[in-house]
Amino acid sequence: IFVIGAMAWYRQAPGKQRELVARITSDGSTNYADSVKGRFT
């Protein structure tokens, strides 16, 4: 490991496309899918 930039969680349900769940930058900025906003951190 040298430099890790943004990290993210994706998920894939059977028969569905992989989707972005949440993303976090190296300095802590976050984004969430609407479906998990308020429930996931």
PDB file of all heavy atoms in Angstrom:
ATOM      1  N   ILE A   1       0.833  -1.199   0.000  1.00  0.00           N
ATOM      2  CA  ILE A   1       0.000   0.000   0.000  1.00  0.00           C
ATOM      3  C   ILE A   1       0.867   1.249   0.000  1.00  0.00           C
ATOM      4  O   ILE A   1       1.781   1.378   0.808  1.00  0.00           O
ATOM      5  CB  ILE A   1      -0.937  -0.001   1.212  1.00  0.00           C
ATOM      6  CG1 ILE A   1      -1.894  -1.195   1.141  1.00  0.00           C
ATOM      7  CG2 ILE A   1      -1.707   1.309   1.284  1.00  0.00           C
ATOM      8  CD1 ILE A   1      -2.717  -1.393   2.388  1.00  0.00           C
ATOM      9  N   PHE A   2       0.544   2.148  -0.898  1.00  0.00           N
ATOM     10  CA  PHE A   2       1.213   3.442  -0.930  1.00  0.00           C
ATOM     11  C   PHE A   2       0.209   4.562  -0.684  1.00  0.00           C
ATOM     12  O   PHE A   2       0.269   5.246   0.335  1.00  0.00           O
ATOM     13  CB  PHE A   2       1.959   3.653  -2.248  1.00  0.00           C
ATOM     14  CG  PHE A   2       2.734   4.934  -2.287  1.00  0.00           C
ATOM     15  CD1 PHE A   2       3.786   5.148  -1.422  1.00  0.00           C
ATOM     16  CD2 PHE A   2       2.412   5.942  -3.189  1.00  0.00           C
ATOM     17  CE1 PHE A   2       4.510   6.328  -1.441  1.00  0.00           C
ATOM     18  CE2 PHE A   2       3.136   7.124  -3.222  1.00  0.00           C
ATOM     19  CZ  PHE A   2       4.187   7.316  -2.344  1.00  0.00           C
ATOM     20  N   VAL A   3      -0.710   4.748  -1.612  1.00  0.00           N
ATOM     21  CA  VAL A   3      -1.739   5.763  -1.456  1.00  0.00           C
ATOM     22  C   VAL A   3      -3.078   5.166  -1.851  1.00  0.00           C
ATOM     23  O   VAL A   3      -3.253   4.738  -2.989  1.00  0.00           O
ATOM     24  CB  VAL A   3      -1.466   7.017  -2.305  1.00  0.00           C
ATOM     25  CG1 VAL A   3      -2.636   7.990  -2.201  1.00  0.00           C
ATOM     26  CG2 VAL A   3      -0.179   7.690  -1.859  1.00  0.00           C
ATOM     27  N   ILE A   4      -4.003   5.137  -0.913  1.00  0.00           N
ATOM     28  CA  ILE A   4      -5.372   4.739  -1.198  1.00  0.00           C
ATOM     29  C   ILE A   4      -6.222   5.995  -1.326  1.00  0.00           C
ATOM     30  O   ILE A   4      -6.228   6.837  -0.428  1.00  0.00           O
ATOM     31  CB  ILE A   4      -5.940   3.824  -0.105  1.00  0.00           C
ATOM     32  CG1 ILE A   4      -5.157   2.512  -0.053  1.00  0.00           C
ATOM     33  CG2 ILE A   4      -7.423   3.540  -0.358  1.00  0.00           C
ATOM     34  CD1 ILE A   4      -5.627   1.566   1.029  1.00  0.00           C
ATOM     35  N   GLY A   5      -6.888   6.107  -2.428  1.00  0.00           N
ATOM     36  CA  GLY A   5      -7.754   7.243  -2.655  1.00  0.00           C
ATOM     37  C   GLY A   5      -9.152   6.965  -2.164  1.00  0.00           C
ATOM     38  O   GLY A   5      -9.359   6.473  -1.052  1.00  0.00           O
ATOM     39  N   ALA A   6     -10.119   7.263  -2.996  1.00  0.00           N
ATOM     40  CA  ALA A   6     -11.508   7.020  -2.624  1.00  0.00           C
ATOM     41  C   ALA A   6     -11.775   5.532  -2.441  1.00  0.00           C
ATOM     42  O   ALA A   6     -11.179   4.687  -3.112  1.00  0.00           O
ATOM     43  CB  ALA A   6     -12.446   7.604  -3.673  1.00  0.00           C
ATOM     44  N   MET A   7     -12.674   5.222  -1.529  1.00  0.00           N
ATOM     45  CA  MET A   7     -13.125   3.860  -1.313  1.00  0.00           C
ATOM     46  C   MET A   7     -14.644   3.856  -1.367  1.00  0.00           C
ATOM     47  O   MET A   7     -15.288   4.877  -1.131  1.00  0.00           O
ATOM     48  CB  MET A   7     -12.642   3.320   0.031  1.00  0.00           C
ATOM     49  CG  MET A   7     -11.135   3.361   0.208  1.00  0.00           C
ATOM     50  SD  MET A   7     -10.582   2.685   1.800  1.00  0.00           S
ATOM     51  CE  MET A   7     -10.750   0.916   1.484  1.00  0.00           C
ATOM     52  N   ALA A   8     -15.197   2.710  -1.666  1.00  0.00           N
ATOM     53  CA  ALA A   8     -16.640   2.637  -1.819  1.00  0.00           C
ATOM     54  C   ALA A   8     -17.145   1.240  -1.532  1.00  0.00           C
ATOM     55  O   ALA A   8     -16.404   0.258  -1.621  1.00  0.00           O
ATOM     56  CB  ALA A   8     -17.056   3.062  -3.234  1.00  0.00           C
ATOM     57  N   TRP A   9     -18.406   1.190  -1.187  1.00  0.00           N
ATOM     58  CA  TRP A   9     -19.130  -0.069  -1.072  1.00  0.00           C
ATOM     59  C   TRP A   9     -20.117  -0.175  -2.219  1.00  0.00           C
ATOM     60  O   TRP A   9     -20.884   0.765  -2.472  1.00  0.00           O
ATOM     61  CB  TRP A   9     -19.883  -0.173   0.250  1.00  0.00           C
ATOM     62  CG  TRP A   9     -19.013  -0.384   1.440  1.00  0.00           C
ATOM     63  CD1 TRP A   9     -18.588   0.549   2.329  1.00  0.00           C
ATOM     64  CD2 TRP A   9     -18.468  -1.632   1.872  1.00  0.00           C
ATOM     65  NE1 TRP A   9     -17.807  -0.032   3.293  1.00  0.00           N
ATOM     66  CE2 TRP A   9     -17.714  -1.380   3.034  1.00  0.00           C
ATOM     67  CE3 TRP A   9     -18.539  -2.942   1.401  1.00  0.00           C
ATOM     68  CZ2 TRP A   9     -17.030  -2.372   3.734  1.00  0.00           C
ATOM     69  CZ3 TRP A   9     -17.860  -3.935   2.084  1.00  0.00           C
ATOM     70  CH2 TRP A   9     -17.124  -3.652   3.231  1.00  0.00           C
ATOM     71  N   TYR A  10     -20.089  -1.295  -2.889  1.00  0.00           N
ATOM     72  CA  TYR A  10     -21.068  -1.638  -3.903  1.00  0.00           C
ATOM     73  C   TYR A  10     -21.817  -2.877  -3.449  1.00  0.00           C
ATOM     74  O   TYR A  10     -21.371  -3.606  -2.576  1.00  0.00           O
ATOM     75  CB  TYR A  10     -20.399  -1.927  -5.246  1.00  0.00           C
ATOM     76  CG  TYR A  10     -19.862  -0.712  -5.967  1.00  0.00           C
ATOM     77  CD1 TYR A  10     -18.699  -0.085  -5.559  1.00  0.00           C
ATOM     78  CD2 TYR A  10     -20.525  -0.206  -7.086  1.00  0.00           C
ATOM     79  CE1 TYR A  10     -18.201   1.013  -6.225  1.00  0.00           C
ATOM     80  CE2 TYR A  10     -20.035   0.894  -7.765  1.00  0.00           C
ATOM     81  CZ  TYR A  10     -18.871   1.496  -7.326  1.00  0.00           C
ATOM     82  OH  TYR A  10     -18.379   2.594  -8.006  1.00  0.00           O
ATOM     83  N   ARG A  11     -22.946  -3.126  -4.061  1.00  0.00           N
ATOM     84  CA  ARG A  11     -23.660  -4.363  -3.787  1.00  0.00           C
ATOM     85  C   ARG A  11     -24.305  -4.873  -5.057  1.00  0.00           C
ATOM     86  O   ARG A  11     -24.603  -4.113  -5.972  1.00  0.00           O
ATOM     87  CB  ARG A  11     -24.711  -4.174  -2.692  1.00  0.00           C
ATOM     88  CG  ARG A  11     -25.885  -3.284  -3.073  1.00  0.00           C
ATOM     89  CD  ARG A  11     -26.795  -3.061  -1.865  1.00  0.00           C
ATOM     90  NE  ARG A  11     -27.944  -2.240  -2.200  1.00  0.00           N
ATOM     91  CZ  ARG A  11     -28.819  -1.772  -1.310  1.00  0.00           C
ATOM     92  NH1 ARG A  11     -28.658  -2.053  -0.009  1.00  0.00           N
ATOM     93  NH2 ARG A  11     -29.842  -1.036  -1.705  1.00  0.00           N
ATOM     94  N   GLN A  12     -24.516  -6.171  -5.088  1.00  0.00           N
ATOM     95  CA  GLN A  12     -25.148  -6.797  -6.232  1.00  0.00           C
ATOM     96  C   GLN A  12     -26.087  -7.886  -5.746  1.00  0.00           C
ATOM     97  O   GLN A  12     -25.654  -8.850  -5.113  1.00  0.00           O
ATOM     98  CB  GLN A  12     -24.114  -7.380  -7.188  1.00  0.00           C
ATOM     99  CG  GLN A  12     -24.704  -7.897  -8.480  1.00  0.00           C
ATOM    100  CD  GLN A  12     -23.650  -8.178  -9.529  1.00  0.00           C
ATOM    101  OE1 GLN A  12     -22.485  -8.384  -9.201  1.00  0.00           O
ATOM    102  NE2 GLN A  12     -24.054  -8.171 -10.782  1.00  0.00           N
ATOM    103  N   ALA A  13     -27.351  -7.707  -6.039  1.00  0.00           N
ATOM    104  CA  ALA A  13     -28.363  -8.701  -5.723  1.00  0.00           C
ATOM    105  C   ALA A  13     -28.519  -9.645  -6.906  1.00  0.00           C
ATOM    106  O   ALA A  13     -28.201  -9.287  -8.047  1.00  0.00           O
ATOM    107  CB  ALA A  13     -29.687  -8.027  -5.390  1.00  0.00           C
ATOM    108  N   PRO A  14     -29.012 -10.854  -6.663  1.00  0.00           N
ATOM    109  CA  PRO A  14     -29.198 -11.802  -7.767  1.00  0.00           C
ATOM    110  C   PRO A  14     -30.057 -11.215  -8.876  1.00  0.00           C
ATOM    111  O   PRO A  14     -31.131 -10.666  -8.627  1.00  0.00           O
ATOM    112  CB  PRO A  14     -29.888 -12.986  -7.093  1.00  0.00           C
ATOM    113  CG  PRO A  14     -29.452 -12.912  -5.673  1.00  0.00           C
ATOM    114  CD  PRO A  14     -29.365 -11.444  -5.365  1.00  0.00           C
ATOM    115  N   GLY A  15     -29.577 -11.324 -10.106  1.00  0.00           N
ATOM    116  CA  GLY A  15     -30.315 -10.840 -11.249  1.00  0.00           C
ATOM    117  C   GLY A  15     -30.281  -9.345 -11.455  1.00  0.00           C
ATOM    118  O   GLY A  15     -30.956  -8.845 -12.366  1.00  0.00           O
ATOM    119  N   LYS A  16     -29.520  -8.634 -10.646  1.00  0.00           N
ATOM    120  CA  LYS A  16     -29.454  -7.185 -10.762  1.00  0.00           C
ATOM    121  C   LYS A  16     -28.028  -6.724 -11.038  1.00  0.00           C
ATOM    122  O   LYS A  16     -27.064  -7.456 -10.825  1.00  0.00           O
ATOM    123  CB  LYS A  16     -29.972  -6.517  -9.488  1.00  0.00           C
ATOM    124  CG  LYS A  16     -31.438  -6.762  -9.200  1.00  0.00           C
ATOM    125  CD  LYS A  16     -31.897  -5.982  -7.987  1.00  0.00           C
ATOM    126  CE  LYS A  16     -33.379  -6.172  -7.729  1.00  0.00           C
ATOM    127  NZ  LYS A  16     -33.827  -5.395  -6.541  1.00  0.00           N
ATOM    128  N   GLN A  17     -27.918  -5.503 -11.513  1.00  0.00           N
ATOM    129  CA  GLN A  17     -26.619  -4.899 -11.755  1.00  0.00           C
ATOM    130  C   GLN A  17     -25.973  -4.485 -10.440  1.00  0.00           C
ATOM    131  O   GLN A  17     -26.660  -4.192  -9.458  1.00  0.00           O
ATOM    132  CB  GLN A  17     -26.759  -3.684 -12.673  1.00  0.00           C
ATOM    133  CG  GLN A  17     -27.295  -3.990 -14.060  1.00  0.00           C
ATOM    134  CD  GLN A  17     -26.285  -4.740 -14.898  1.00  0.00           C
ATOM    135  OE1 GLN A  17     -25.073  -4.620 -14.714  1.00  0.00           O
ATOM    136  NE2 GLN A  17     -26.788  -5.531 -15.835  1.00  0.00           N
ATOM    137  N   ARG A  18     -24.668  -4.455 -10.446  1.00  0.00           N
ATOM    138  CA  ARG A  18     -23.958  -3.955  -9.291  1.00  0.00           C
ATOM    139  C   ARG A  18     -24.230  -2.456  -9.153  1.00  0.00           C
ATOM    140  O   ARG A  18     -24.195  -1.714 -10.131  1.00  0.00           O
ATOM    141  CB  ARG A  18     -22.461  -4.215  -9.435  1.00  0.00           C
ATOM    142  CG  ARG A  18     -21.643  -3.841  -8.215  1.00  0.00           C
ATOM    143  CD  ARG A  18     -20.195  -4.278  -8.363  1.00  0.00           C
ATOM    144  NE  ARG A  18     -20.079  -5.727  -8.510  1.00  0.00           N
ATOM    145  CZ  ARG A  18     -18.922  -6.377  -8.540  1.00  0.00           C
ATOM    146  NH1 ARG A  18     -17.776  -5.709  -8.420  1.00  0.00           N
ATOM    147  NH2 ARG A  18     -18.903  -7.696  -8.695  1.00  0.00           N
ATOM    148  N   GLU A  19     -24.494  -2.023  -7.936  1.00  0.00           N
ATOM    149  CA  GLU A  19     -24.821  -0.632  -7.703  1.00  0.00           C
ATOM    150  C   GLU A  19     -23.958  -0.050  -6.592  1.00  0.00           C
ATOM    151  O   GLU A  19     -23.550  -0.747  -5.665  1.00  0.00           O
ATOM    152  CB  GLU A  19     -26.301  -0.467  -7.341  1.00  0.00           C
ATOM    153  CG  GLU A  19     -26.700  -1.114  -6.029  1.00  0.00           C
ATOM    154  CD  GLU A  19     -28.123  -0.796  -5.610  1.00  0.00           C
ATOM    155  OE1 GLU A  19     -28.714   0.149  -6.164  1.00  0.00           O
ATOM    156  OE2 GLU A  19     -28.646  -1.501  -4.717  1.00  0.00           O
ATOM    157  N   LEU A  20     -23.716   1.222  -6.698  1.00  0.00           N
ATOM    158  CA  LEU A  20     -22.970   1.936  -5.674  1.00  0.00           C
ATOM    159  C   LEU A  20     -23.853   2.145  -4.458  1.00  0.00           C
ATOM    160  O   LEU A  20     -24.973   2.641  -4.566  1.00  0.00           O
ATOM    161  CB  LEU A  20     -22.486   3.282  -6.214  1.00  0.00           C
ATOM    162  CG  LEU A  20     -21.763   4.190  -5.217  1.00  0.00           C
ATOM    163  CD1 LEU A  20     -20.439   3.576  -4.791  1.00  0.00           C
ATOM    164  CD2 LEU A  20     -21.538   5.572  -5.826  1.00  0.00           C
ATOM    165  N   VAL A  21     -23.341   1.782  -3.299  1.00  0.00           N
ATOM    166  CA  VAL A  21     -24.050   1.968  -2.043  1.00  0.00           C
ATOM    167  C   VAL A  21     -23.590   3.236  -1.342  1.00  0.00           C
ATOM    168  O   VAL A  21     -24.398   4.070  -0.926  1.00  0.00           O
ATOM    169  CB  VAL A  21     -23.863   0.756  -1.114  1.00  0.00           C
ATOM    170  CG1 VAL A  21     -24.547   0.988   0.233  1.00  0.00           C
ATOM    171  CG2 VAL A  21     -24.402  -0.508  -1.776  1.00  0.00           C
ATOM    172  N   ALA A  22     -22.299   3.376  -1.194  1.00  0.00           N
ATOM    173  CA  ALA A  22     -21.737   4.532  -0.512  1.00  0.00           C
ATOM    174  C   ALA A  22     -20.287   4.696  -0.928  1.00  0.00           C
ATOM    175  O   ALA A  22     -19.617   3.730  -1.281  1.00  0.00           O
ATOM    176  CB  ALA A  22     -21.839   4.384   1.007  1.00  0.00           C
ATOM    177  N   ARG A  23     -19.824   5.913  -0.864  1.00  0.00           N
ATOM    178  CA  ARG A  23     -18.467   6.236  -1.269  1.00  0.00           C
ATOM    179  C   ARG A  23     -17.882   7.207  -0.271  1.00  0.00           C
ATOM    180  O   ARG A  23     -18.584   8.064   0.267  1.00  0.00           O
ATOM    181  CB  ARG A  23     -18.477   6.842  -2.677  1.00  0.00           C
ATOM    182  CG  ARG A  23     -17.128   7.285  -3.215  1.00  0.00           C
ATOM    183  CD  ARG A  23     -17.287   7.854  -4.615  1.00  0.00           C
ATOM    184  NE  ARG A  23     -16.023   8.315  -5.177  1.00  0.00           N
ATOM    185  CZ  ARG A  23     -15.551   9.541  -5.053  1.00  0.00           C
ATOM    186  NH1 ARG A  23     -16.252  10.460  -4.380  1.00  0.00           N
ATOM    187  NH2 ARG A  23     -14.387   9.878  -5.597  1.00  0.00           N
ATOM    188  N   ILE A  24     -16.582   7.085  -0.039  1.00  0.00           N
ATOM    189  CA  ILE A  24     -15.897   7.984   0.872  1.00  0.00           C
ATOM    190  C   ILE A  24     -14.530   8.311   0.303  1.00  0.00           C
ATOM    191  O   ILE A  24     -13.788   7.441  -0.136  1.00  0.00           O
ATOM    192  CB  ILE A  24     -15.799   7.383   2.290  1.00  0.00           C
ATOM    193  CG1 ILE A  24     -15.172   8.387   3.260  1.00  0.00           C
ATOM    194  CG2 ILE A  24     -15.042   6.063   2.287  1.00  0.00           C
ATOM    195  CD1 ILE A  24     -15.329   7.981   4.716  1.00  0.00           C
ATOM    196  N   THR A  25     -14.196   9.584   0.296  1.00  0.00           N
ATOM    197  CA  THR A  25     -12.904  10.022  -0.195  1.00  0.00           C
ATOM    198  C   THR A  25     -11.860   9.877   0.893  1.00  0.00           C
ATOM    199  O   THR A  25     -12.155   9.552   2.047  1.00  0.00           O
ATOM    200  CB  THR A  25     -12.960  11.476  -0.670  1.00  0.00           C
ATOM    201  OG1 THR A  25     -13.201  12.339   0.452  1.00  0.00           O
ATOM    202  CG2 THR A  25     -14.061  11.673  -1.699  1.00  0.00           C
ATOM    203  N   SER A  26     -10.617  10.124   0.526  1.00  0.00           N
ATOM    204  CA  SER A  26      -9.535   9.974   1.479  1.00  0.00           C
ATOM    205  C   SER A  26      -9.621  10.960   2.629  1.00  0.00           C
ATOM    206  O   SER A  26      -9.083  10.693   3.710  1.00  0.00           O
ATOM    207  CB  SER A  26      -8.182  10.124   0.777  1.00  0.00           C
ATOM    208  OG  SER A  26      -8.072  11.383   0.145  1.00  0.00           O
ATOM    209  N   ASP A  27     -10.292  12.087   2.416  1.00  0.00           N
ATOM    210  CA  ASP A  27     -10.435  13.066   3.484  1.00  0.00           C
ATOM    211  C   ASP A  27     -11.808  13.036   4.143  1.00  0.00           C
ATOM    212  O   ASP A  27     -12.148  13.931   4.916  1.00  0.00           O
ATOM    213  CB  ASP A  27     -10.113  14.469   2.988  1.00  0.00           C
ATOM    214  CG  ASP A  27     -11.015  14.932   1.869  1.00  0.00           C
ATOM    215  OD1 ASP A  27     -11.901  14.175   1.448  1.00  0.00           O
ATOM    216  OD2 ASP A  27     -10.832  16.070   1.399  1.00  0.00           O
ATOM    217  N   GLY A  28     -12.620  12.025   3.817  1.00  0.00           N
ATOM    218  CA  GLY A  28     -13.833  11.804   4.570  1.00  0.00           C
ATOM    219  C   GLY A  28     -15.129  12.282   3.961  1.00  0.00           C
ATOM    220  O   GLY A  28     -16.185  12.132   4.589  1.00  0.00           O
ATOM    221  N   SER A  29     -15.097  12.840   2.777  1.00  0.00           N
ATOM    222  CA  SER A  29     -16.329  13.241   2.122  1.00  0.00           C
ATOM    223  C   SER A  29     -17.110  11.998   1.690  1.00  0.00           C
ATOM    224  O   SER A  29     -16.532  11.042   1.178  1.00  0.00           O
ATOM    225  CB  SER A  29     -16.032  14.123   0.915  1.00  0.00           C
ATOM    226  OG  SER A  29     -17.219  14.510   0.260  1.00  0.00           O
ATOM    227  N   THR A  30     -18.419  12.002   1.889  1.00  0.00           N
ATOM    228  CA  THR A  30     -19.228  10.810   1.647  1.00  0.00           C
ATOM    229  C   THR A  30     -20.369  11.071   0.687  1.00  0.00           C
ATOM    230  O   THR A  30     -20.859  12.192   0.547  1.00  0.00           O
ATOM    231  CB  THR A  30     -19.808  10.266   2.958  1.00  0.00           C
ATOM    232  OG1 THR A  30     -20.630  11.273   3.572  1.00  0.00           O
ATOM    233  CG2 THR A  30     -18.699   9.871   3.920  1.00  0.00           C
ATOM    234  N   ASN A  31     -20.789  10.002   0.031  1.00  0.00           N
ATOM    235  CA  ASN A  31     -21.972   9.993  -0.814  1.00  0.00           C
ATOM    236  C   ASN A  31     -22.706   8.684  -0.579  1.00  0.00           C
ATOM    237  O   ASN A  31     -22.081   7.651  -0.357  1.00  0.00           O
ATOM    238  CB  ASN A  31     -21.616  10.117  -2.294  1.00  0.00           C
ATOM    239  CG  ASN A  31     -20.906  11.397  -2.629  1.00  0.00           C
ATOM    240  OD1 ASN A  31     -19.684  11.417  -2.759  1.00  0.00           O
ATOM    241  ND2 ASN A  31     -21.660  12.468  -2.765  1.00  0.00           N
ATOM    242  N   TYR A  32     -24.031   8.735  -0.662  1.00  0.00           N
ATOM    243  CA  TYR A  32     -24.849   7.560  -0.430  1.00  0.00           C
ATOM    244  C   TYR A  32     -25.888   7.407  -1.517  1.00  0.00           C
ATOM    245  O   TYR A  32     -26.407   8.393  -2.050  1.00  0.00           O
ATOM    246  CB  TYR A  32     -25.573   7.647   0.910  1.00  0.00           C
ATOM    247  CG  TYR A  32     -24.674   7.664   2.107  1.00  0.00           C
ATOM    248  CD1 TYR A  32     -24.226   8.859   2.652  1.00  0.00           C
ATOM    249  CD2 TYR A  32     -24.268   6.478   2.707  1.00  0.00           C
ATOM    250  CE1 TYR A  32     -23.399   8.879   3.753  1.00  0.00           C
ATOM    251  CE2 TYR A  32     -23.439   6.485   3.815  1.00  0.00           C
ATOM    252  CZ  TYR A  32     -23.007   7.685   4.334  1.00  0.00           C
ATOM    253  OH  TYR A  32     -22.188   7.698   5.430  1.00  0.00           O
ATOM    254  N   ALA A  33     -26.198   6.164  -1.820  1.00  0.00           N
ATOM    255  CA  ALA A  33     -27.352   5.900  -2.651  1.00  0.00           C
ATOM    256  C   ALA A  33     -28.614   6.324  -1.908  1.00  0.00           C
ATOM    257  O   ALA A  33     -28.696   6.217  -0.680  1.00  0.00           O
ATOM    258  CB  ALA A  33     -27.429   4.419  -3.001  1.00  0.00           C
ATOM    259  N   ASP A  34     -29.591   6.814  -2.650  1.00  0.00           N
ATOM    260  CA  ASP A  34     -30.825   7.262  -2.018  1.00  0.00           C
ATOM    261  C   ASP A  34     -31.489   6.158  -1.204  1.00  0.00           C
ATOM    262  O   ASP A  34     -32.110   6.422  -0.169  1.00  0.00           O
ATOM    263  CB  ASP A  34     -31.801   7.781  -3.068  1.00  0.00           C
ATOM    264  CG  ASP A  34     -31.372   9.103  -3.664  1.00  0.00           C
ATOM    265  OD1 ASP A  34     -30.549   9.806  -3.050  1.00  0.00           O
ATOM    266  OD2 ASP A  34     -31.877   9.444  -4.753  1.00  0.00           O
ATOM    267  N   SER A  35     -31.349   4.928  -1.647  1.00  0.00           N
ATOM    268  CA  SER A  35     -32.017   3.819  -0.998  1.00  0.00           C
ATOM    269  C   SER A  35     -31.468   3.505   0.392  1.00  0.00           C
ATOM    270  O   SER A  35     -32.143   2.848   1.184  1.00  0.00           O
ATOM    271  CB  SER A  35     -31.930   2.564  -1.868  1.00  0.00           C
ATOM    272  OG  SER A  35     -30.586   2.203  -2.109  1.00  0.00           O
ATOM    273  N   VAL A  36     -30.262   3.965   0.685  1.00  0.00           N
ATOM    274  CA  VAL A  36     -29.655   3.666   1.981  1.00  0.00           C
ATOM    275  C   VAL A  36     -29.403   4.909   2.815  1.00  0.00           C
ATOM    276  O   VAL A  36     -28.990   4.795   3.982  1.00  0.00           O
ATOM    277  CB  VAL A  36     -28.335   2.888   1.823  1.00  0.00           C
ATOM    278  CG1 VAL A  36     -28.545   1.659   0.957  1.00  0.00           C
ATOM    279  CG2 VAL A  36     -27.236   3.776   1.240  1.00  0.00           C
ATOM    280  N   LYS A  37     -29.656   6.062   2.260  1.00  0.00           N
ATOM    281  CA  LYS A  37     -29.400   7.314   2.959  1.00  0.00           C
ATOM    282  C   LYS A  37     -30.199   7.375   4.259  1.00  0.00           C
ATOM    283  O   LYS A  37     -31.393   7.094   4.278  1.00  0.00           O
ATOM    284  CB  LYS A  37     -29.744   8.489   2.052  1.00  0.00           C
ATOM    285  CG  LYS A  37     -29.138   9.810   2.458  1.00  0.00           C
ATOM    286  CD  LYS A  37     -29.340  10.857   1.354  1.00  0.00           C
ATOM    287  CE  LYS A  37     -28.661  10.438   0.065  1.00  0.00           C
ATOM    288  NZ  LYS A  37     -28.820  11.449  -1.012  1.00  0.00           N
ATOM    289  N   GLY A  38     -29.521   7.715   5.324  1.00  0.00           N
ATOM    290  CA  GLY A  38     -30.150   7.773   6.626  1.00  0.00           C
ATOM    291  C   GLY A  38     -30.113   6.473   7.388  1.00  0.00           C
ATOM    292  O   GLY A  38     -30.407   6.460   8.592  1.00  0.00           O
ATOM    293  N   ARG A  39     -29.774   5.378   6.716  1.00  0.00           N
ATOM    294  CA  ARG A  39     -29.704   4.074   7.363  1.00  0.00           C
ATOM    295  C   ARG A  39     -28.286   3.523   7.431  1.00  0.00           C
ATOM    296  O   ARG A  39     -27.940   2.828   8.382  1.00  0.00           O
ATOM    297  CB  ARG A  39     -30.588   3.062   6.635  1.00  0.00           C
ATOM    298  CG  ARG A  39     -32.059   3.436   6.596  1.00  0.00           C
ATOM    299  CD  ARG A  39     -32.910   2.311   6.018  1.00  0.00           C
ATOM    300  NE  ARG A  39     -32.545   2.009   4.639  1.00  0.00           N
ATOM    301  CZ  ARG A  39     -32.095   0.821   4.225  1.00  0.00           C
ATOM    302  NH1 ARG A  39     -31.951  -0.175   5.093  1.00  0.00           N
ATOM    303  NH2 ARG A  39     -31.804   0.626   2.943  1.00  0.00           N
ATOM    304  N   PHE A  40     -27.488   3.822   6.418  1.00  0.00           N
ATOM    305  CA  PHE A  40     -26.118   3.320   6.342  1.00  0.00           C
ATOM    306  C   PHE A  40     -25.141   4.458   6.592  1.00  0.00           C
ATOM    307  O   PHE A  40     -25.400   5.607   6.212  1.00  0.00           O
ATOM    308  CB  PHE A  40     -25.824   2.726   4.966  1.00  0.00           C
ATOM    309  CG  PHE A  40     -26.539   1.443   4.651  1.00  0.00           C
ATOM    310  CD1 PHE A  40     -27.553   0.954   5.461  1.00  0.00           C
ATOM    311  CD2 PHE A  40     -26.188   0.721   3.525  1.00  0.00           C
ATOM    312  CE1 PHE A  40     -28.208  -0.223   5.161  1.00  0.00           C
ATOM    313  CE2 PHE A  40     -26.833  -0.461   3.210  1.00  0.00           C
ATOM    314  CZ  PHE A  40     -27.845  -0.929   4.025  1.00  0.00           C
ATOM    315  N   THR A  41     -24.006   4.123   7.175  1.00  0.00           N
ATOM    316  CA  THR A  41     -22.948   5.088   7.398  1.00  0.00           C
ATOM    317  C   THR A  41     -21.621   4.492   6.967  1.00  0.00           C
ATOM    318  O   THR A  41     -21.230   3.434   7.460  1.00  0.00           O
ATOM    319  CB  THR A  41     -22.865   5.514   8.869  1.00  0.00           C
ATOM    320  OG1 THR A  41     -24.113   6.064   9.293  1.00  0.00           O
ATOM    321  CG2 THR A  41     -21.774   6.566   9.049  1.00  0.00           C
TER     322      THR A  41
END
